[in-house]
Amino acid sequence: MERPSFLAKFFSHFGDKRNHFVVYGLPAIASALGANTIAEVKVVEGQGWTVVDQRPATTGYKKKKYDEGMQSIKNVIKHLKIDTESQKLGITFAGDLIAASGVGASAAQCTSLARALNDSFNLNLDDEKINEAAYEGEKAYHGTPSGIDNTASTYGGLIWFVKNLNGGKNTMDLLQSPIKMPLIIANSGITASTIEVVADVRRLKDKNPNKFEKIFKEYKEIADKAKMALLEGNIISLGNLMNQNHKLLQEITVSGEINDKLVQIALKNGAIGAKMTGTGRGGLVIALAENKEIQEKIAKAIEKGGYDAWKTIIG
């Protein structure tokens, strides 16, 4: 079933679909954009399930994520208690969301599958139950996901998210911006391992607790200010906060050389703000433009540099 599932991440490194900040109980802002992953489920004779993945993707992405993807499907099917011993599921994924590291592709896949199974087997699940199923699927990709990606994919819109570290209900507030904002997404073409990057950050945090305490405090202030900027439609403030956030991502070593290069291309061509998004060390960079003319200029500069650039609107 088709649902908006294309995710852009602003003030959190919420790649891995577990955020390098969110997993420590810090807030994040996510926006679901206008691209989709679509899942279709057909019941046929036999046992088990098969998958046809027709999603457009960064070169090498599907191959690198294959094992995690198959386990995620298994997790969702098991969570929803779908019988695959007396029947066989033919699962097809398609849509216009380009699967790439940092775009929320795994969450979109898990959410769309949960909705397709809900439709096919008349499970009568509400969005909360769909979100729970998608979260179980995300575990295959990220171990212990933050939950932000599947939440944004399930509910859409702009979301203020805080993970409850005690196992309780996560904070999820829908935000409404008074303006529409042009966004550019630059694809490095590199698919990073979320689990490896997250583990590196955790080791670094354990070795430098005082440094990370300071970084976390600064990040929290940035996120709070970003929330207000969105609610007020203050695009200039929003861009400046994105730049500050990117510097923190550099400090925790998740922004690789290619991410920094793309950020600089965007800023030099008129972006108000730019930052890496997702797991890091490759993947994607997002840039905020004041208008569509500047958005086009930034996109062309990124493409001239040899990278793919996607244009969208949020808010």
Protein backbone atom coordinates (compact mmCIF):
# COMPACT_ATOMS: atom_id res chain seq x y z
CA MET A 1 0.00 0.00 0.00
CA GLU A 2 1.30 3.43 -0.88
CA ARG A 3 2.16 5.92 1.87
CA PRO A 4 4.57 8.89 2.02
CA SER A 5 7.80 7.32 3.15
CA PHE A 6 10.67 9.45 1.89
CA LEU A 7 12.52 10.77 4.92
CA ALA A 8 14.77 13.80 5.31
CA LYS A 9 16.53 14.40 8.61
CA PHE A 10 17.26 17.87 9.84
CA PHE A 11 18.80 18.31 13.22
CA SER A 12 19.66 14.81 14.11
CA HIS A 13 21.94 12.28 12.68
CA PHE A 14 19.13 9.92 12.56
CA GLY A 15 20.54 7.66 10.05
CA ASP A 16 20.84 4.06 10.86
CA LYS A 17 17.35 4.79 11.49
CA ARG A 18 18.64 4.87 14.90
CA ASN A 19 19.95 8.33 15.52
CA HIS A 20 23.43 8.94 16.88
CA PHE A 21 21.74 11.52 19.12
CA VAL A 22 18.22 10.11 19.43
CA VAL A 23 19.41 6.78 20.82
CA TYR A 24 20.67 8.71 23.86
CA GLY A 25 17.26 10.26 24.54
CA LEU A 26 17.83 13.55 22.70
CA PRO A 27 15.13 15.09 20.48
CA ALA A 28 15.08 15.13 16.70
CA ILE A 29 13.03 16.61 13.89
CA ALA A 30 12.07 14.50 10.89
CA SER A 31 10.15 15.32 7.76
CA ALA A 32 8.40 12.89 5.45
CA LEU A 33 8.63 14.04 1.86
CA GLY A 34 6.65 13.27 -1.25
CA ALA A 35 8.25 10.06 -2.49
CA ASN A 36 7.02 6.58 -1.76
CA THR A 37 7.92 2.96 -1.33
CA ILE A 38 5.02 0.75 -2.35
CA ALA A 39 4.59 -2.85 -1.20
CA GLU A 40 2.23 -5.40 -2.72
CA VAL A 41 1.48 -8.81 -1.19
CA LYS A 42 -0.13 -11.67 -3.11
CA VAL A 43 -1.05 -15.00 -1.57
CA VAL A 44 -0.21 -18.04 -3.72
CA GLU A 45 0.10 -21.78 -3.26
CA GLY A 46 3.14 -23.06 -1.45
CA GLN A 47 5.07 -22.09 1.67
CA GLY A 48 7.25 -19.20 2.80
CA TRP A 49 7.65 -15.98 0.85
CA THR A 50 9.46 -14.51 -2.12
CA VAL A 51 10.53 -10.93 -2.81
CA VAL A 52 10.81 -8.88 -5.99
CA ASP A 53 12.52 -5.58 -5.26
CA GLN A 54 11.85 -3.04 -8.01
CA ARG A 55 12.80 0.06 -6.00
CA PRO A 56 15.21 2.49 -7.68
CA ALA A 57 18.44 2.50 -5.69
CA THR A 58 21.98 3.77 -5.38
CA THR A 59 24.39 1.35 -7.05
CA GLY A 60 25.30 -1.44 -4.64
CA TYR A 61 22.72 -0.48 -2.01
CA LYS A 62 20.42 -3.47 -2.42
CA LYS A 63 23.30 -5.93 -2.50
CA LYS A 64 24.90 -4.54 0.65
CA LYS A 65 21.59 -4.41 2.50
CA TYR A 66 20.21 -7.71 1.17
CA ASP A 67 20.61 -9.86 4.30
CA GLU A 68 19.28 -7.12 6.57
CA GLY A 69 16.37 -6.55 4.20
CA MET A 70 15.38 -10.22 4.18
CA GLN A 71 15.53 -10.38 7.97
CA SER A 72 13.42 -7.22 8.25
CA ILE A 73 10.69 -8.83 6.13
CA LYS A 74 10.83 -11.92 8.32
CA ASN A 75 10.53 -9.73 11.44
CA VAL A 76 7.42 -7.93 10.17
CA ILE A 77 5.73 -11.17 9.08
CA LYS A 78 6.48 -12.79 12.43
CA HIS A 79 5.32 -9.76 14.42
CA LEU A 80 2.00 -9.70 12.59
CA LYS A 81 1.65 -13.48 13.00
CA ILE A 82 1.12 -14.15 9.31
CA ASP A 83 1.00 -17.86 8.46
CA THR A 84 3.64 -18.80 5.89
CA GLU A 85 3.47 -22.58 6.40
CA SER A 86 0.14 -23.20 4.68
CA GLN A 87 0.45 -20.38 2.16
CA LYS A 88 3.10 -18.47 0.26
CA LEU A 89 3.50 -14.70 0.09
CA GLY A 90 4.63 -13.00 -3.08
CA ILE A 91 6.02 -9.63 -1.97
CA THR A 92 6.87 -6.84 -4.41
CA PHE A 93 8.47 -3.50 -3.55
CA ALA A 94 8.36 -0.55 -5.95
CA GLY A 95 7.75 3.20 -5.88
CA ASP A 96 9.73 6.35 -6.61
CA LEU A 97 11.77 6.56 -3.42
CA ILE A 98 15.42 6.02 -4.35
CA ALA A 99 16.90 3.61 -1.81
CA ALA A 100 20.13 5.12 -0.53
CA SER A 101 22.07 5.28 2.69
CA GLY A 102 20.51 7.99 4.86
CA VAL A 103 17.16 8.44 3.17
CA GLY A 104 15.03 6.24 5.40
CA ALA A 105 14.62 3.55 2.76
CA SER A 106 14.57 0.69 5.25
CA ALA A 107 11.85 2.34 7.33
CA ALA A 108 9.82 3.03 4.19
CA GLN A 109 10.18 -0.61 3.17
CA CYS A 110 9.11 -1.91 6.59
CA THR A 111 6.17 0.48 6.86
CA SER A 112 4.88 -0.25 3.37
CA LEU A 113 5.14 -4.00 4.01
CA ALA A 114 3.19 -3.69 7.26
CA ARG A 115 0.44 -1.75 5.43
CA ALA A 116 0.34 -4.26 2.57
CA LEU A 117 0.00 -7.19 4.98
CA ASN A 118 -2.65 -5.28 6.90
CA ASP A 119 -4.64 -4.82 3.68
CA SER A 120 -4.14 -8.35 2.36
CA PHE A 121 -5.16 -10.09 5.58
CA ASN A 122 -7.72 -7.54 6.86
CA LEU A 123 -5.88 -7.08 10.15
CA ASN A 124 -7.59 -3.75 10.88
CA LEU A 125 -4.40 -2.22 12.28
CA ASP A 126 -4.33 1.47 13.17
CA ASP A 127 -1.26 3.62 12.55
CA GLU A 128 0.14 2.86 16.00
CA LYS A 129 0.13 -0.87 15.28
CA ILE A 130 1.57 -0.31 11.79
CA ASN A 131 4.36 1.70 13.40
CA GLU A 132 5.06 -1.08 15.90
CA ALA A 133 5.36 -3.63 13.09
CA ALA A 134 7.66 -1.36 11.08
CA TYR A 135 9.83 -0.87 14.18
CA GLU A 136 10.26 -4.64 14.47
CA GLY A 137 11.39 -4.71 10.85
CA GLU A 138 13.86 -1.89 11.48
CA LYS A 139 15.59 -4.00 14.14
CA ALA A 140 17.08 -6.11 11.37
CA TYR A 141 18.85 -3.06 9.96
CA HIS A 142 19.81 -1.26 13.15
CA GLY A 143 19.72 -3.53 16.17
CA THR A 144 17.90 -1.13 18.47
CA PRO A 145 16.37 1.58 16.25
CA SER A 146 15.49 4.99 17.60
CA GLY A 147 12.03 4.62 16.07
CA ILE A 148 12.09 8.01 14.42
CA ASP A 149 12.31 6.83 10.82
CA ASN A 150 9.45 4.36 11.01
CA THR A 151 7.40 6.95 12.91
CA ALA A 152 7.92 9.59 10.23
CA SER A 153 7.22 7.03 7.53
CA THR A 154 4.01 5.93 9.23
CA TYR A 155 2.52 9.29 10.13
CA GLY A 156 4.09 11.67 7.60
CA GLY A 157 4.53 15.42 8.05
CA LEU A 158 7.02 17.16 10.32
CA ILE A 159 7.65 15.32 13.55
CA TRP A 160 9.30 16.22 16.85
CA PHE A 161 10.55 12.94 18.27
CA VAL A 162 12.07 11.94 21.61
CA LYS A 163 12.85 8.30 22.37
CA ASN A 164 11.79 7.02 25.80
CA LEU A 165 14.92 5.25 27.06
CA ASN A 166 12.94 3.48 29.79
CA GLY A 167 10.86 1.54 27.30
CA GLY A 168 7.76 3.70 27.61
CA LYS A 169 5.91 5.50 24.86
CA ASN A 170 8.06 7.77 22.70
CA THR A 171 7.25 11.47 22.40
CA MET A 172 5.91 12.26 18.94
CA ASP A 173 4.51 15.71 18.25
CA LEU A 174 3.35 16.76 14.79
CA LEU A 175 4.71 20.18 13.81
CA GLN A 176 3.23 22.65 11.35
CA SER A 177 5.39 25.19 9.55
CA PRO A 178 3.70 28.28 8.06
CA ILE A 179 5.92 28.16 4.97
CA LYS A 180 7.12 25.67 2.38
CA MET A 181 10.88 25.24 2.17
CA PRO A 182 12.91 24.11 -0.88
CA LEU A 183 15.29 21.27 -0.02
CA ILE A 184 18.09 19.64 -2.01
CA ILE A 185 19.25 16.12 -1.27
CA ALA A 186 22.75 15.24 -2.49
CA ASN A 187 23.69 11.57 -2.85
CA SER A 188 27.33 10.66 -2.28
CA GLY A 189 26.75 7.24 -3.83
CA ILE A 190 28.39 5.55 -0.83
CA THR A 191 26.41 3.07 1.25
CA ALA A 192 27.62 2.99 4.83
CA SER A 193 27.12 0.26 7.45
CA THR A 194 24.82 1.74 10.06
CA ILE A 195 25.67 -0.83 12.71
CA GLU A 196 29.42 -0.24 12.32
CA VAL A 197 29.15 3.56 12.42
CA VAL A 198 26.84 3.54 15.43
CA ALA A 199 29.17 1.18 17.28
CA ASP A 200 32.13 3.47 16.51
CA VAL A 201 30.27 6.44 17.99
CA ARG A 202 29.35 4.50 21.11
CA ARG A 203 32.97 3.46 21.66
CA LEU A 204 34.09 7.06 21.20
CA LYS A 205 31.46 8.23 23.68
CA ASP A 206 32.57 5.67 26.25
CA LYS A 207 36.16 6.88 25.93
CA ASN A 208 35.26 10.58 26.05
CA PRO A 209 32.17 10.97 28.28
CA ASN A 210 32.86 14.62 29.19
CA LYS A 211 33.30 15.63 25.56
CA PHE A 212 30.07 13.93 24.56
CA GLU A 213 28.17 15.46 27.46
CA LYS A 214 29.10 18.87 26.11
CA ILE A 215 28.18 17.88 22.54
CA PHE A 216 24.82 16.49 23.67
CA LYS A 217 24.02 19.68 25.56
CA GLU A 218 24.82 21.82 22.53
CA TYR A 219 22.82 19.52 20.28
CA LYS A 220 19.77 19.76 22.57
CA GLU A 221 19.91 23.56 22.37
CA ILE A 222 20.15 23.42 18.57
CA ALA A 223 17.18 21.05 18.33
CA ASP A 224 15.01 23.23 20.59
CA LYS A 225 15.83 26.34 18.57
CA ALA A 226 15.16 24.47 15.32
CA LYS A 227 11.72 23.48 16.52
CA MET A 228 10.85 27.11 17.18
CA ALA A 229 12.30 28.20 13.83
CA LEU A 230 10.11 25.69 12.02
CA LEU A 231 6.98 26.77 13.90
CA GLU A 232 7.76 30.42 13.11
CA GLY A 233 8.77 29.77 9.50
CA ASN A 234 12.19 31.32 10.13
CA ILE A 235 14.13 29.74 7.28
CA ILE A 236 17.32 31.75 7.91
CA SER A 237 17.54 30.62 11.51
CA LEU A 238 16.78 27.07 10.41
CA GLY A 239 19.66 27.09 7.94
CA ASN A 240 22.12 28.43 10.50
CA LEU A 241 21.11 25.72 12.94
CA MET A 242 21.64 23.06 10.27
CA ASN A 243 25.20 24.32 9.85
CA GLN A 244 25.79 24.12 13.59
CA ASN A 245 24.38 20.62 13.66
CA HIS A 246 26.71 19.50 10.91
CA LYS A 247 29.71 20.65 12.92
CA LEU A 248 28.59 18.44 15.80
CA LEU A 249 28.29 15.50 13.42
CA GLN A 250 31.86 16.18 12.35
CA GLU A 251 32.94 16.14 15.99
CA ILE A 252 31.49 12.70 16.59
CA THR A 253 33.29 11.49 13.42
CA VAL A 254 30.24 10.46 11.39
CA SER A 255 30.57 13.06 8.64
CA GLY A 256 33.06 11.74 6.13
CA GLU A 257 35.16 13.71 3.68
CA ILE A 258 32.61 13.30 0.90
CA ASN A 259 29.80 14.60 3.15
CA ASP A 260 31.81 17.69 3.98
CA LYS A 261 32.58 18.23 0.30
CA LEU A 262 28.88 18.16 -0.61
CA VAL A 263 28.02 20.50 2.24
CA GLN A 264 30.59 23.01 0.96
CA ILE A 265 29.29 22.78 -2.62
CA ALA A 266 25.80 23.56 -1.37
CA LEU A 267 26.87 26.47 0.82
CA LYS A 268 29.06 28.01 -1.88
CA ASN A 269 26.10 27.97 -4.26
CA GLY A 270 23.66 29.74 -2.01
CA ALA A 271 22.36 27.21 0.51
CA ILE A 272 21.20 28.76 3.79
CA GLY A 273 22.24 25.62 5.61
CA ALA A 274 23.51 22.14 4.84
CA LYS A 275 24.28 19.00 6.79
CA MET A 276 24.81 15.30 6.36
CA THR A 277 21.87 13.06 7.15
CA GLY A 278 21.58 9.38 7.87
CA THR A 279 24.32 7.02 8.98
CA GLY A 280 27.11 9.24 7.68
CA ARG A 281 30.51 8.51 6.13
CA GLY A 282 28.74 8.64 2.80
CA GLY A 283 25.04 8.52 2.18
CA LEU A 284 23.24 11.82 1.85
CA VAL A 285 23.54 15.53 2.52
CA ILE A 286 20.55 17.86 2.75
CA ALA A 287 20.65 21.57 1.94
CA LEU A 288 18.08 24.29 2.53
CA ALA A 289 17.43 26.99 -0.10
CA GLU A 290 15.62 30.30 0.27
CA ASN A 291 13.74 29.89 -3.01
CA LYS A 292 13.37 27.59 -5.99
CA GLU A 293 15.89 29.52 -8.12
CA ILE A 294 18.64 28.94 -5.57
CA GLN A 295 17.47 25.37 -5.12
CA GLU A 296 17.99 24.79 -8.84
CA LYS A 297 21.45 26.42 -8.73
CA ILE A 298 22.56 24.20 -5.86
CA ALA A 299 21.23 21.05 -7.53
CA LYS A 300 23.07 21.84 -10.75
CA ALA A 301 26.33 22.50 -8.87
CA ILE A 302 26.06 19.15 -7.11
CA GLU A 303 25.38 17.37 -10.39
CA LYS A 304 28.30 19.18 -12.01
CA GLY A 305 30.47 17.76 -9.24
CA GLY A 306 29.45 14.26 -10.34
CA TYR A 307 26.74 13.48 -7.79
CA ASP A 308 23.00 12.95 -7.95
CA ALA A 309 20.79 15.72 -6.57
CA TRP A 310 17.09 15.54 -5.77
CA LYS A 311 14.82 18.54 -5.27
CA THR A 312 11.82 18.57 -2.98
CA ILE A 313 9.68 20.80 -0.79
CA ILE A 314 9.01 20.34 2.92
CA GLY A 315 6.71 22.01 5.41
